Amino acid sequence: DIAAKIPEQFDLPLLAKGWGVPTPTQVVLLQELARWNTVLEAMSNSLKELQRALSGEIGYSAALEELATSLYNGKLPPAWARLNPATEKALGPWMAWFSRRQEQYKVSWSGLSPFWLNCHSTV
């Protein structure tokens, strides 16, 4: 289940507060995490809306149709693809990349490694 794999968003104010005056590298990490939070929010919201549409609570829009068709066919939904680096991956391999990327950000968040700088384009 994709929805279960979407983690909570990063608490950017908490992170920034803990750093005090951020270094240039930390500023870039904050920017990357803000973009990542946008991806997490878009994925989560679109899946919730699709669930609501499938249960008849809301109408079925063209965007939800596109999402449902992509998921059914194992393809990365275009609405999600627009928020991420360009890729030709199918949904399964993309979700594996998504999980690895989340782990990279968690490691960087905890201050253990700046590894994420080298991995932005590895989609």
PDB file of N, CA and C in Angstrom:
ATOM      1  N   ASP A   1       0.833  -1.177   0.000  1.00  0.00           N
ATOM      2  CA  ASP A   1       0.000   0.000   0.000  1.00  0.00           C
ATOM      3  C   ASP A   1       0.884   1.249   0.000  1.00  0.00           C
ATOM      4  N   ILE A   2       0.739   2.054  -1.024  1.00  0.00           N
ATOM      5  CA  ILE A   2       1.575   3.244  -1.191  1.00  0.00           C
ATOM      6  C   ILE A   2       1.356   4.244  -0.064  1.00  0.00           C
ATOM      7  N   ALA A   3       0.112   4.455   0.310  1.00  0.00           N
ATOM      8  CA  ALA A   3      -0.187   5.453   1.349  1.00  0.00           C
ATOM      9  C   ALA A   3       0.555   5.145   2.644  1.00  0.00           C
ATOM     10  N   ALA A   4       0.710   3.883   2.961  1.00  0.00           N
ATOM     11  CA  ALA A   4       1.407   3.491   4.190  1.00  0.00           C
ATOM     12  C   ALA A   4       2.908   3.766   4.112  1.00  0.00           C
ATOM     13  N   LYS A   5       3.428   3.906   2.914  1.00  0.00           N
ATOM     14  CA  LYS A   5       4.862   4.154   2.732  1.00  0.00           C
ATOM     15  C   LYS A   5       5.223   5.634   2.733  1.00  0.00           C
ATOM     16  N   ILE A   6       4.222   6.495   2.789  1.00  0.00           N
ATOM     17  CA  ILE A   6       4.488   7.937   2.785  1.00  0.00           C
ATOM     18  C   ILE A   6       4.737   8.383   4.219  1.00  0.00           C
ATOM     19  N   PRO A   7       5.950   8.825   4.519  1.00  0.00           N
ATOM     20  CA  PRO A   7       6.277   9.231   5.882  1.00  0.00           C
ATOM     21  C   PRO A   7       5.730  10.613   6.231  1.00  0.00           C
ATOM     22  N   GLU A   8       5.838  10.949   7.486  1.00  0.00           N
ATOM     23  CA  GLU A   8       5.476  12.293   7.941  1.00  0.00           C
ATOM     24  C   GLU A   8       6.441  13.305   7.324  1.00  0.00           C
ATOM     25  N   GLN A   9       5.968  14.517   7.156  1.00  0.00           N
ATOM     26  CA  GLN A   9       6.824  15.575   6.641  1.00  0.00           C
ATOM     27  C   GLN A   9       7.875  15.951   7.684  1.00  0.00           C
ATOM     28  N   PHE A  10       8.988  16.467   7.196  1.00  0.00           N
ATOM     29  CA  PHE A  10      10.038  16.945   8.084  1.00  0.00           C
ATOM     30  C   PHE A  10       9.601  18.245   8.744  1.00  0.00           C
ATOM     31  N   ASP A  11       9.927  18.399  10.005  1.00  0.00           N
ATOM     32  CA  ASP A  11       9.609  19.613  10.761  1.00  0.00           C
ATOM     33  C   ASP A  11      10.753  20.606  10.552  1.00  0.00           C
ATOM     34  N   LEU A  12      10.637  21.397   9.508  1.00  0.00           N
ATOM     35  CA  LEU A  12      11.726  22.304   9.125  1.00  0.00           C
ATOM     36  C   LEU A  12      11.999  23.398  10.156  1.00  0.00           C
ATOM     37  N   PRO A  13      10.981  24.020  10.764  1.00  0.00           N
ATOM     38  CA  PRO A  13      11.285  25.019  11.798  1.00  0.00           C
ATOM     39  C   PRO A  13      12.065  24.415  12.971  1.00  0.00           C
ATOM     40  N   LEU A  14      11.729  23.191  13.343  1.00  0.00           N
ATOM     41  CA  LEU A  14      12.453  22.533  14.438  1.00  0.00           C
ATOM     42  C   LEU A  14      13.908  22.297  14.052  1.00  0.00           C
ATOM     43  N   LEU A  15      14.115  21.834  12.834  1.00  0.00           N
ATOM     44  CA  LEU A  15      15.480  21.590  12.366  1.00  0.00           C
ATOM     45  C   LEU A  15      16.280  22.887  12.331  1.00  0.00           C
ATOM     46  N   ALA A  16      15.704  23.921  11.744  1.00  0.00           N
ATOM     47  CA  ALA A  16      16.406  25.205  11.628  1.00  0.00           C
ATOM     48  C   ALA A  16      16.707  25.782  13.009  1.00  0.00           C
ATOM     49  N   LYS A  17      15.779  25.643  13.931  1.00  0.00           N
ATOM     50  CA  LYS A  17      15.978  26.156  15.285  1.00  0.00           C
ATOM     51  C   LYS A  17      17.151  25.445  15.971  1.00  0.00           C
ATOM     52  N   GLY A  18      17.258  24.148  15.748  1.00  0.00           N
ATOM     53  CA  GLY A  18      18.342  23.377  16.349  1.00  0.00           C
ATOM     54  C   GLY A  18      19.710  23.747  15.805  1.00  0.00           C
ATOM     55  N   TRP A  19      19.756  24.232  14.584  1.00  0.00           N
ATOM     56  CA  TRP A  19      21.024  24.599  13.975  1.00  0.00           C
ATOM     57  C   TRP A  19      21.469  25.998  14.346  1.00  0.00           C
ATOM     58  N   GLY A  20      20.555  26.858  14.705  1.00  0.00           N
ATOM     59  CA  GLY A  20      20.932  28.249  14.922  1.00  0.00           C
ATOM     60  C   GLY A  20      21.129  28.912  13.570  1.00  0.00           C
ATOM     61  N   VAL A  21      22.306  29.479  13.343  1.00  0.00           N
ATOM     62  CA  VAL A  21      22.615  30.084  12.044  1.00  0.00           C
ATOM     63  C   VAL A  21      23.124  28.961  11.136  1.00  0.00           C
ATOM     64  N   PRO A  22      22.344  28.630  10.090  1.00  0.00           N
ATOM     65  CA  PRO A  22      22.736  27.487   9.255  1.00  0.00           C
ATOM     66  C   PRO A  22      23.918  27.806   8.347  1.00  0.00           C
ATOM     67  N   THR A  23      24.694  26.771   8.085  1.00  0.00           N
ATOM     68  CA  THR A  23      25.780  26.866   7.106  1.00  0.00           C
ATOM     69  C   THR A  23      25.159  26.837   5.712  1.00  0.00           C
ATOM     70  N   PRO A  24      25.922  27.181   4.682  1.00  0.00           N
ATOM     71  CA  PRO A  24      25.376  27.093   3.324  1.00  0.00           C
ATOM     72  C   PRO A  24      24.869  25.686   2.976  1.00  0.00           C
ATOM     73  N   THR A  25      25.566  24.662   3.424  1.00  0.00           N
ATOM     74  CA  THR A  25      25.125  23.288   3.176  1.00  0.00           C
ATOM     75  C   THR A  25      23.801  23.010   3.871  1.00  0.00           C
ATOM     76  N   GLN A  26      23.640  23.514   5.082  1.00  0.00           N
ATOM     77  CA  GLN A  26      22.390  23.324   5.808  1.00  0.00           C
ATOM     78  C   GLN A  26      21.238  24.082   5.148  1.00  0.00           C
ATOM     79  N   VAL A  27      21.530  25.235   4.567  1.00  0.00           N
ATOM     80  CA  VAL A  27      20.506  25.992   3.839  1.00  0.00           C
ATOM     81  C   VAL A  27      20.009  25.166   2.648  1.00  0.00           C
ATOM     82  N   VAL A  28      20.934  24.568   1.925  1.00  0.00           N
ATOM     83  CA  VAL A  28      20.558  23.736   0.782  1.00  0.00           C
ATOM     84  C   VAL A  28      19.729  22.539   1.252  1.00  0.00           C
ATOM     85  N   LEU A  29      20.124  21.924   2.356  1.00  0.00           N
ATOM     86  CA  LEU A  29      19.349  20.801   2.895  1.00  0.00           C
ATOM     87  C   LEU A  29      17.940  21.253   3.257  1.00  0.00           C
ATOM     88  N   LEU A  30      17.804  22.411   3.872  1.00  0.00           N
ATOM     89  CA  LEU A  30      16.476  22.926   4.207  1.00  0.00           C
ATOM     90  C   LEU A  30      15.636  23.121   2.945  1.00  0.00           C
ATOM     91  N   GLN A  31      16.260  23.628   1.890  1.00  0.00           N
ATOM     92  CA  GLN A  31      15.544  23.816   0.625  1.00  0.00           C
ATOM     93  C   GLN A  31      15.119  22.472   0.035  1.00  0.00           C
ATOM     94  N   GLU A  32      16.017  21.502   0.080  1.00  0.00           N
ATOM     95  CA  GLU A  32      15.700  20.163  -0.429  1.00  0.00           C
ATOM     96  C   GLU A  32      14.570  19.528   0.380  1.00  0.00           C
ATOM     97  N   LEU A  33      14.625  19.678   1.696  1.00  0.00           N
ATOM     98  CA  LEU A  33      13.589  19.095   2.545  1.00  0.00           C
ATOM     99  C   LEU A  33      12.247  19.790   2.337  1.00  0.00           C
ATOM    100  N   ALA A  34      12.264  21.085   2.070  1.00  0.00           N
ATOM    101  CA  ALA A  34      11.014  21.795   1.771  1.00  0.00           C
ATOM    102  C   ALA A  34      10.399  21.243   0.486  1.00  0.00           C
ATOM    103  N   ARG A  35      11.238  20.999  -0.530  1.00  0.00           N
ATOM    104  CA  ARG A  35      10.739  20.402  -1.778  1.00  0.00           C
ATOM    105  C   ARG A  35      10.212  18.998  -1.519  1.00  0.00           C
ATOM    106  N   TRP A  36      10.932  18.239  -0.707  1.00  0.00           N
ATOM    107  CA  TRP A  36      10.524  16.870  -0.386  1.00  0.00           C
ATOM    108  C   TRP A  36       9.188  16.873   0.356  1.00  0.00           C
ATOM    109  N   ASN A  37       9.024  17.811   1.277  1.00  0.00           N
ATOM    110  CA  ASN A  37       7.739  17.925   1.982  1.00  0.00           C
ATOM    111  C   ASN A  37       6.597  18.182   1.004  1.00  0.00           C
ATOM    112  N   THR A  38       6.861  18.953  -0.050  1.00  0.00           N
ATOM    113  CA  THR A  38       5.854  19.208  -1.073  1.00  0.00           C
ATOM    114  C   THR A  38       5.459  17.911  -1.771  1.00  0.00           C
ATOM    115  N   VAL A  39       6.453  17.077  -2.061  1.00  0.00           N
ATOM    116  CA  VAL A  39       6.194  15.772  -2.686  1.00  0.00           C
ATOM    117  C   VAL A  39       5.351  14.907  -1.747  1.00  0.00           C
ATOM    118  N   LEU A  40       5.758  14.832  -0.486  1.00  0.00           N
ATOM    119  CA  LEU A  40       5.032  14.013   0.493  1.00  0.00           C
ATOM    120  C   LEU A  40       3.581  14.472   0.621  1.00  0.00           C
ATOM    121  N   GLU A  41       3.386  15.774   0.688  1.00  0.00           N
ATOM    122  CA  GLU A  41       2.040  16.317   0.827  1.00  0.00           C
ATOM    123  C   GLU A  41       1.187  16.019  -0.410  1.00  0.00           C
ATOM    124  N   ALA A  42       1.761  16.191  -1.591  1.00  0.00           N
ATOM    125  CA  ALA A  42       1.020  15.929  -2.829  1.00  0.00           C
ATOM    126  C   ALA A  42       0.633  14.458  -2.936  1.00  0.00           C
ATOM    127  N   MET A  43       1.563  13.570  -2.607  1.00  0.00           N
ATOM    128  CA  MET A  43       1.267  12.142  -2.668  1.00  0.00           C
ATOM    129  C   MET A  43       0.164  11.781  -1.676  1.00  0.00           C
ATOM    130  N   SER A  44       0.320  12.220  -0.463  1.00  0.00           N
ATOM    131  CA  SER A  44      -0.647  11.894   0.584  1.00  0.00           C
ATOM    132  C   SER A  44      -2.032  12.447   0.260  1.00  0.00           C
ATOM    133  N   ASN A  45      -2.100  13.708  -0.111  1.00  0.00           N
ATOM    134  CA  ASN A  45      -3.392  14.331  -0.413  1.00  0.00           C
ATOM    135  C   ASN A  45      -4.084  13.680  -1.606  1.00  0.00           C
ATOM    136  N   SER A  46      -3.320  13.379  -2.652  1.00  0.00           N
ATOM    137  CA  SER A  46      -3.944  12.795  -3.840  1.00  0.00           C
ATOM    138  C   SER A  46      -4.469  11.391  -3.552  1.00  0.00           C
ATOM    139  N   LEU A  47      -3.747  10.614  -2.756  1.00  0.00           N
ATOM    140  CA  LEU A  47      -4.230   9.279  -2.413  1.00  0.00           C
ATOM    141  C   LEU A  47      -5.463   9.340  -1.512  1.00  0.00           C
ATOM    142  N   LYS A  48      -5.505  10.310  -0.604  1.00  0.00           N
ATOM    143  CA  LYS A  48      -6.693  10.478   0.243  1.00  0.00           C
ATOM    144  C   LYS A  48      -7.898  10.875  -0.602  1.00  0.00           C
ATOM    145  N   GLU A  49      -7.684  11.795  -1.545  1.00  0.00           N
ATOM    146  CA  GLU A  49      -8.775  12.206  -2.426  1.00  0.00           C
ATOM    147  C   GLU A  49      -9.256  11.050  -3.289  1.00  0.00           C
ATOM    148  N   LEU A  50      -8.333  10.227  -3.776  1.00  0.00           N
ATOM    149  CA  LEU A  50      -8.725   9.072  -4.580  1.00  0.00           C
ATOM    150  C   LEU A  50      -9.572   8.108  -3.752  1.00  0.00           C
ATOM    151  N   GLN A  51      -9.171   7.873  -2.510  1.00  0.00           N
ATOM    152  CA  GLN A  51      -9.964   7.007  -1.623  1.00  0.00           C
ATOM    153  C   GLN A  51     -11.369   7.567  -1.439  1.00  0.00           C
ATOM    154  N   ARG A  52     -11.464   8.861  -1.240  1.00  0.00           N
ATOM    155  CA  ARG A  52     -12.764   9.509  -1.061  1.00  0.00           C
ATOM    156  C   ARG A  52     -13.607   9.398  -2.331  1.00  0.00           C
ATOM    157  N   ALA A  53     -12.978   9.565  -3.488  1.00  0.00           N
ATOM    158  CA  ALA A  53     -13.708   9.456  -4.752  1.00  0.00           C
ATOM    159  C   ALA A  53     -14.187   8.024  -4.984  1.00  0.00           C
ATOM    160  N   LEU A  54     -13.338   7.060  -4.675  1.00  0.00           N
ATOM    161  CA  LEU A  54     -13.721   5.661  -4.871  1.00  0.00           C
ATOM    162  C   LEU A  54     -14.863   5.248  -3.947  1.00  0.00           C
ATOM    163  N   SER A  55     -14.939   5.890  -2.777  1.00  0.00           N
ATOM    164  CA  SER A  55     -16.020   5.564  -1.846  1.00  0.00           C
ATOM    165  C   SER A  55     -17.273   6.409  -2.105  1.00  0.00           C
ATOM    166  N   GLY A  56     -17.208   7.324  -3.065  1.00  0.00           N
ATOM    167  CA  GLY A  56     -18.365   8.120  -3.428  1.00  0.00           C
ATOM    168  C   GLY A  56     -18.556   9.391  -2.622  1.00  0.00           C
ATOM    169  N   GLU A  57     -17.607   9.751  -1.787  1.00  0.00           N
ATOM    170  CA  GLU A  57     -17.720  10.968  -0.977  1.00  0.00           C
ATOM    171  C   GLU A  57     -17.552  12.238  -1.804  1.00  0.00           C
ATOM    172  N   ILE A  58     -16.690  12.170  -2.826  1.00  0.00           N
ATOM    173  CA  ILE A  58     -16.447  13.323  -3.692  1.00  0.00           C
ATOM    174  C   ILE A  58     -16.527  12.869  -5.143  1.00  0.00           C
ATOM    175  N   GLY A  59     -16.622  13.833  -6.042  1.00  0.00           N
ATOM    176  CA  GLY A  59     -16.671  13.519  -7.462  1.00  0.00           C
ATOM    177  C   GLY A  59     -15.320  13.072  -7.988  1.00  0.00           C
ATOM    178  N   TYR A  60     -15.362  12.376  -9.086  1.00  0.00           N
ATOM    179  CA  TYR A  60     -14.164  11.832  -9.716  1.00  0.00           C
ATOM    180  C   TYR A  60     -13.683  12.815 -10.771  1.00  0.00           C
ATOM    181  N   SER A  61     -12.590  13.514 -10.514  1.00  0.00           N
ATOM    182  CA  SER A  61     -12.062  14.523 -11.441  1.00  0.00           C
ATOM    183  C   SER A  61     -11.112  13.884 -12.454  1.00  0.00           C
ATOM    184  N   ALA A  62     -10.727  14.673 -13.439  1.00  0.00           N
ATOM    185  CA  ALA A  62      -9.752  14.203 -14.434  1.00  0.00           C
ATOM    186  C   ALA A  62      -8.416  13.880 -13.768  1.00  0.00           C
ATOM    187  N   ALA A  63      -8.026  14.692 -12.789  1.00  0.00           N
ATOM    188  CA  ALA A  63      -6.757  14.444 -12.083  1.00  0.00           C
ATOM    189  C   ALA A  63      -6.813  13.125 -11.314  1.00  0.00           C
ATOM    190  N   LEU A  64      -7.943  12.838 -10.703  1.00  0.00           N
ATOM    191  CA  LEU A  64      -8.084  11.573  -9.969  1.00  0.00           C
ATOM    192  C   LEU A  64      -8.140  10.391 -10.932  1.00  0.00           C
ATOM    193  N   GLU A  65      -8.756  10.580 -12.067  1.00  0.00           N
ATOM    194  CA  GLU A  65      -8.776   9.534 -13.097  1.00  0.00           C
ATOM    195  C   GLU A  65      -7.356   9.220 -13.565  1.00  0.00           C
ATOM    196  N   GLU A  66      -6.585  10.274 -13.790  1.00  0.00           N
ATOM    197  CA  GLU A  66      -5.194  10.106 -14.214  1.00  0.00           C
ATOM    198  C   GLU A  66      -4.387   9.373 -13.139  1.00  0.00           C
ATOM    199  N   LEU A  67      -4.600   9.735 -11.885  1.00  0.00           N
ATOM    200  CA  LEU A  67      -3.918   9.081 -10.769  1.00  0.00           C
ATOM    201  C   LEU A  67      -4.296   7.604 -10.707  1.00  0.00           C
ATOM    202  N   ALA A  68      -5.588   7.315 -10.754  1.00  0.00           N
ATOM    203  CA  ALA A  68      -6.054   5.929 -10.665  1.00  0.00           C
ATOM    204  C   ALA A  68      -5.530   5.085 -11.820  1.00  0.00           C
ATOM    205  N   THR A  69      -5.564   5.630 -13.016  1.00  0.00           N
ATOM    206  CA  THR A  69      -5.089   4.902 -14.196  1.00  0.00           C
ATOM    207  C   THR A  69      -3.590   4.616 -14.084  1.00  0.00           C
ATOM    208  N   SER A  70      -2.832   5.611 -13.657  1.00  0.00           N
ATOM    209  CA  SER A  70      -1.383   5.421 -13.498  1.00  0.00           C
ATOM    210  C   SER A  70      -1.085   4.347 -12.464  1.00  0.00           C
ATOM    211  N   LEU A  71      -1.745   4.421 -11.322  1.00  0.00           N
ATOM    212  CA  LEU A  71      -1.510   3.427 -10.271  1.00  0.00           C
ATOM    213  C   LEU A  71      -1.905   2.033 -10.736  1.00  0.00           C
ATOM    214  N   TYR A  72      -3.037   1.929 -11.400  1.00  0.00           N
ATOM    215  CA  TYR A  72      -3.507   0.639 -11.897  1.00  0.00           C
ATOM    216  C   TYR A  72      -2.515   0.030 -12.885  1.00  0.00           C
ATOM    217  N   ASN A  73      -1.930   0.885 -13.723  1.00  0.00           N
ATOM    218  CA  ASN A  73      -0.984   0.426 -14.742  1.00  0.00           C
ATOM    219  C   ASN A  73       0.449   0.340 -14.239  1.00  0.00           C
ATOM    220  N   GLY A  74       0.679   0.636 -12.959  1.00  0.00           N
ATOM    221  CA  GLY A  74       2.025   0.554 -12.397  1.00  0.00           C
ATOM    222  C   GLY A  74       2.957   1.644 -12.877  1.00  0.00           C
ATOM    223  N   LYS A  75       2.384   2.792 -13.213  1.00  0.00           N
ATOM    224  CA  LYS A  75       3.193   3.913 -13.693  1.00  0.00           C
ATOM    225  C   LYS A  75       3.201   5.029 -12.652  1.00  0.00           C
ATOM    226  N   LEU A  76       4.243   5.823 -12.692  1.00  0.00           N
ATOM    227  CA  LEU A  76       4.342   6.974 -11.809  1.00  0.00           C
ATOM    228  C   LEU A  76       3.312   8.010 -12.236  1.00  0.00           C
ATOM    229  N   PRO A  77       2.400   8.406 -11.337  1.00  0.00           N
ATOM    230  CA  PRO A  77       1.404   9.413 -11.712  1.00  0.00           C
ATOM    231  C   PRO A  77       2.069  10.719 -12.146  1.00  0.00           C
ATOM    232  N   PRO A  78       1.606  11.308 -13.244  1.00  0.00           N
ATOM    233  CA  PRO A  78       2.210  12.551 -13.736  1.00  0.00           C
ATOM    234  C   PRO A  78       2.234  13.671 -12.704  1.00  0.00           C
ATOM    235  N   ALA A  79       1.215  13.759 -11.863  1.00  0.00           N
ATOM    236  CA  ALA A  79       1.198  14.820 -10.841  1.00  0.00           C
ATOM    237  C   ALA A  79       2.355  14.654  -9.869  1.00  0.00           C
ATOM    238  N   TRP A  80       2.749  13.436  -9.585  1.00  0.00           N
ATOM    239  CA  TRP A  80       3.894  13.189  -8.708  1.00  0.00           C
ATOM    240  C   TRP A  80       5.192  13.377  -9.472  1.00  0.00           C
ATOM    241  N   ALA A  81       5.208  12.941 -10.722  1.00  0.00           N
ATOM    242  CA  ALA A  81       6.426  13.035 -11.534  1.00  0.00           C
ATOM    243  C   ALA A  81       6.857  14.485 -11.713  1.00  0.00           C
ATOM    244  N   ARG A  82       5.885  15.393 -11.833  1.00  0.00           N
ATOM    245  CA  ARG A  82       6.213  16.812 -12.013  1.00  0.00           C
ATOM    246  C   ARG A  82       6.963  17.394 -10.817  1.00  0.00           C
ATOM    247  N   LEU A  83       6.832  16.788  -9.655  1.00  0.00           N
ATOM    248  CA  LEU A  83       7.464  17.310  -8.441  1.00  0.00           C
ATOM    249  C   LEU A  83       8.820  16.668  -8.143  1.00  0.00           C
ATOM    250  N   ASN A  84       9.261  15.778  -9.003  1.00  0.00           N
ATOM    251  CA  ASN A  84      10.481  15.014  -8.777  1.00  0.00           C
ATOM    252  C   ASN A  84      11.414  15.119  -9.967  1.00  0.00           C
ATOM    253  N   PRO A  85      12.681  14.721  -9.788  1.00  0.00           N
ATOM    254  CA  PRO A  85      13.590  14.696 -10.932  1.00  0.00           C
ATOM    255  C   PRO A  85      13.032  13.791 -12.033  1.00  0.00           C
ATOM    256  N   ALA A  86      13.310  14.131 -13.270  1.00  0.00           N
ATOM    257  CA  ALA A  86      12.812  13.359 -14.403  1.00  0.00           C
ATOM    258  C   ALA A  86      13.248  11.902 -14.299  1.00  0.00           C
ATOM    259  N   THR A  87      12.325  11.016 -14.637  1.00  0.00           N
ATOM    260  CA  THR A  87      12.610   9.586 -14.584  1.00  0.00           C
ATOM    261  C   THR A  87      11.730   8.842 -15.571  1.00  0.00           C
ATOM    262  N   GLU A  88      12.190   7.688 -15.982  1.00  0.00           N
ATOM    263  CA  GLU A  88      11.397   6.786 -16.823  1.00  0.00           C
ATOM    264  C   GLU A  88      10.993   5.550 -16.036  1.00  0.00           C
ATOM    265  N   LYS A  89      11.260   5.536 -14.741  1.00  0.00           N
ATOM    266  CA  LYS A  89      10.978   4.362 -13.915  1.00  0.00           C
ATOM    267  C   LYS A  89       9.481   4.113 -13.797  1.00  0.00           C
ATOM    268  N   ALA A  90       9.141   2.832 -13.705  1.00  0.00           N
ATOM    269  CA  ALA A  90       7.772   2.437 -13.393  1.00  0.00           C
ATOM    270  C   ALA A  90       7.536   2.710 -11.909  1.00  0.00           C
ATOM    271  N   LEU A  91       6.306   2.561 -11.478  1.00  0.00           N
ATOM    272  CA  LEU A  91       5.954   2.904 -10.110  1.00  0.00           C
ATOM    273  C   LEU A  91       6.727   2.092  -9.067  1.00  0.00           C
ATOM    274  N   GLY A  92       6.872   0.791  -9.261  1.00  0.00           N
ATOM    275  CA  GLY A  92       7.567  -0.050  -8.282  1.00  0.00           C
ATOM    276  C   GLY A  92       9.010   0.392  -8.043  1.00  0.00           C
ATOM    277  N   PRO A  93       9.823   0.471  -9.102  1.00  0.00           N
ATOM    278  CA  PRO A  93      11.197   0.943  -8.924  1.00  0.00           C
ATOM    279  C   PRO A  93      11.262   2.386  -8.409  1.00  0.00           C
ATOM    280  N   TRP A  94      10.305   3.216  -8.823  1.00  0.00           N
ATOM    281  CA  TRP A  94      10.298   4.583  -8.330  1.00  0.00           C
ATOM    282  C   TRP A  94      10.023   4.614  -6.836  1.00  0.00           C
ATOM    283  N   MET A  95       9.122   3.778  -6.352  1.00  0.00           N
ATOM    284  CA  MET A  95       8.833   3.722  -4.917  1.00  0.00           C
ATOM    285  C   MET A  95      10.061   3.240  -4.145  1.00  0.00           C
ATOM    286  N   ALA A  96      10.842   2.337  -4.727  1.00  0.00           N
ATOM    287  CA  ALA A  96      12.090   1.903  -4.081  1.00  0.00           C
ATOM    288  C   ALA A  96      13.042   3.091  -3.984  1.00  0.00           C
ATOM    289  N   TRP A  97      13.154   3.880  -5.067  1.00  0.00           N
ATOM    290  CA  TRP A  97      13.980   5.087  -5.032  1.00  0.00           C
ATOM    291  C   TRP A  97      13.442   6.059  -3.982  1.00  0.00           C
ATOM    292  N   PHE A  98      12.133   6.232  -3.946  1.00  0.00           N
ATOM    293  CA  PHE A  98      11.487   7.118  -2.982  1.00  0.00           C
ATOM    294  C   PHE A  98      11.879   6.741  -1.551  1.00  0.00           C
ATOM    295  N   SER A  99      11.838   5.457  -1.244  1.00  0.00           N
ATOM    296  CA  SER A  99      12.192   4.991   0.109  1.00  0.00           C
ATOM    297  C   SER A  99      13.660   5.254   0.416  1.00  0.00           C
ATOM    298  N   ARG A 100      14.532   4.985  -0.560  1.00  0.00           N
ATOM    299  CA  ARG A 100      15.967   5.258  -0.347  1.00  0.00           C
ATOM    300  C   ARG A 100      16.210   6.750  -0.153  1.00  0.00           C
ATOM    301  N   ARG A 101      15.523   7.554  -0.927  1.00  0.00           N
ATOM    302  CA  ARG A 101      15.690   9.006  -0.824  1.00  0.00           C
ATOM    303  C   ARG A 101      15.251   9.500   0.552  1.00  0.00           C
ATOM    304  N   GLN A 102      14.144   8.982   1.024  1.00  0.00           N
ATOM    305  CA  GLN A 102      13.661   9.352   2.353  1.00  0.00           C
ATOM    306  C   GLN A 102      14.701   8.999   3.413  1.00  0.00           C
ATOM    307  N   GLU A 103      15.304   7.834   3.299  1.00  0.00           N
ATOM    308  CA  GLU A 103      16.338   7.430   4.258  1.00  0.00           C
ATOM    309  C   GLU A 103      17.545   8.356   4.183  1.00  0.00           C
ATOM    310  N   GLN A 104      17.931   8.771   2.980  1.00  0.00           N
ATOM    311  CA  GLN A 104      19.049   9.700   2.830  1.00  0.00           C
ATOM    312  C   GLN A 104      18.743  11.011   3.532  1.00  0.00           C
ATOM    313  N   TYR A 105      17.526  11.494   3.363  1.00  0.00           N
ATOM    314  CA  TYR A 105      17.145  12.743   4.019  1.00  0.00           C
ATOM    315  C   TYR A 105      17.105  12.576   5.536  1.00  0.00           C
ATOM    316  N   LYS A 106      16.638  11.436   6.010  1.00  0.00           N
ATOM    317  CA  LYS A 106      16.610  11.211   7.461  1.00  0.00           C
ATOM    318  C   LYS A 106      18.018  11.218   8.044  1.00  0.00           C
ATOM    319  N   VAL A 107      18.959  10.609   7.329  1.00  0.00           N
ATOM    320  CA  VAL A 107      20.356  10.593   7.781  1.00  0.00           C
ATOM    321  C   VAL A 107      20.913  12.013   7.789  1.00  0.00           C
ATOM    322  N   SER A 108      20.637  12.765   6.726  1.00  0.00           N
ATOM    323  CA  SER A 108      21.113  14.151   6.651  1.00  0.00           C
ATOM    324  C   SER A 108      20.448  15.001   7.721  1.00  0.00           C
ATOM    325  N   TRP A 109      19.174  14.761   7.969  1.00  0.00           N
ATOM    326  CA  TRP A 109      18.401  15.486   8.996  1.00  0.00           C
ATOM    327  C   TRP A 109      19.065  15.316  10.360  1.00  0.00           C
ATOM    328  N   SER A 110      19.525  14.099  10.636  1.00  0.00           N
ATOM    329  CA  SER A 110      20.118  13.836  11.942  1.00  0.00           C
ATOM    330  C   SER A 110      21.563  14.328  12.028  1.00  0.00           C
ATOM    331  N   GLY A 111      22.090  14.831  10.922  1.00  0.00           N
ATOM    332  CA  GLY A 111      23.432  15.407  10.941  1.00  0.00           C
ATOM    333  C   GLY A 111      24.540  14.400  10.780  1.00  0.00           C
ATOM    334  N   LEU A 112      24.208  13.180  10.356  1.00  0.00           N
ATOM    335  CA  LEU A 112      25.228  12.151  10.257  1.00  0.00           C
ATOM    336  C   LEU A 112      26.025  12.200   8.956  1.00  0.00           C
ATOM    337  N   SER A 113      25.394  12.709   7.891  1.00  0.00           N
ATOM    338  CA  SER A 113      26.070  12.650   6.602  1.00  0.00           C
ATOM    339  C   SER A 113      25.478  13.655   5.622  1.00  0.00           C
ATOM    340  N   PRO A 114      26.313  14.277   4.790  1.00  0.00           N
ATOM    341  CA  PRO A 114      25.800  15.130   3.722  1.00  0.00           C
ATOM    342  C   PRO A 114      25.615  14.333   2.423  1.00  0.00           C
ATOM    343  N   PHE A 115      25.385  13.021   2.529  1.00  0.00           N
ATOM    344  CA  PHE A 115      25.297  12.122   1.381  1.00  0.00           C
ATOM    345  C   PHE A 115      24.264  12.571   0.350  1.00  0.00           C
ATOM    346  N   TRP A 116      23.205  13.198   0.778  1.00  0.00           N
ATOM    347  CA  TRP A 116      22.121  13.612  -0.111  1.00  0.00           C
ATOM    348  C   TRP A 116      22.584  14.542  -1.217  1.00  0.00           C
ATOM    349  N   LEU A 117      23.680  15.281  -0.985  1.00  0.00           N
ATOM    350  CA  LEU A 117      24.176  16.203  -2.002  1.00  0.00           C
ATOM    351  C   LEU A 117      24.574  15.465  -3.287  1.00  0.00           C
ATOM    352  N   ASN A 118      25.094  14.263  -3.142  1.00  0.00           N
ATOM    353  CA  ASN A 118      25.569  13.506  -4.287  1.00  0.00           C
ATOM    354  C   ASN A 118      24.482  12.671  -4.934  1.00  0.00           C
ATOM    355  N   CYS A 119      23.301  12.632  -4.375  1.00  0.00           N
ATOM    356  CA  CYS A 119      22.285  11.691  -4.837  1.00  0.00           C
ATOM    357  C   CYS A 119      21.086  12.331  -5.494  1.00  0.00           C
ATOM    358  N   HIS A 120      21.078  13.639  -5.662  1.00  0.00           N
ATOM    359  CA  HIS A 120      19.867  14.301  -6.156  1.00  0.00           C
ATOM    360  C   HIS A 120      19.449  13.781  -7.526  1.00  0.00           C
ATOM    361  N   SER A 121      20.366  13.473  -8.385  1.00  0.00           N
ATOM    362  CA  SER A 121      19.984  13.091  -9.740  1.00  0.00           C
ATOM    363  C   SER A 121      19.916  11.590  -9.942  1.00  0.00           C
ATOM    364  N   THR A 122      20.019  10.785  -8.894  1.00  0.00           N
ATOM    365  CA  THR A 122      19.993   9.336  -9.066  1.00  0.00           C
ATOM    366  C   THR A 122      18.578   8.801  -9.023  1.00  0.00           C
ATOM    367  N   VAL A 123      17.833   9.120 -10.057  1.00  0.00           N
ATOM    368  CA  VAL A 123      16.445   8.647 -10.137  1.00  0.00           C
ATOM    369  C   VAL A 123      16.383   7.475 -11.067  1.00  0.00           C
TER     370      VAL A 123
END
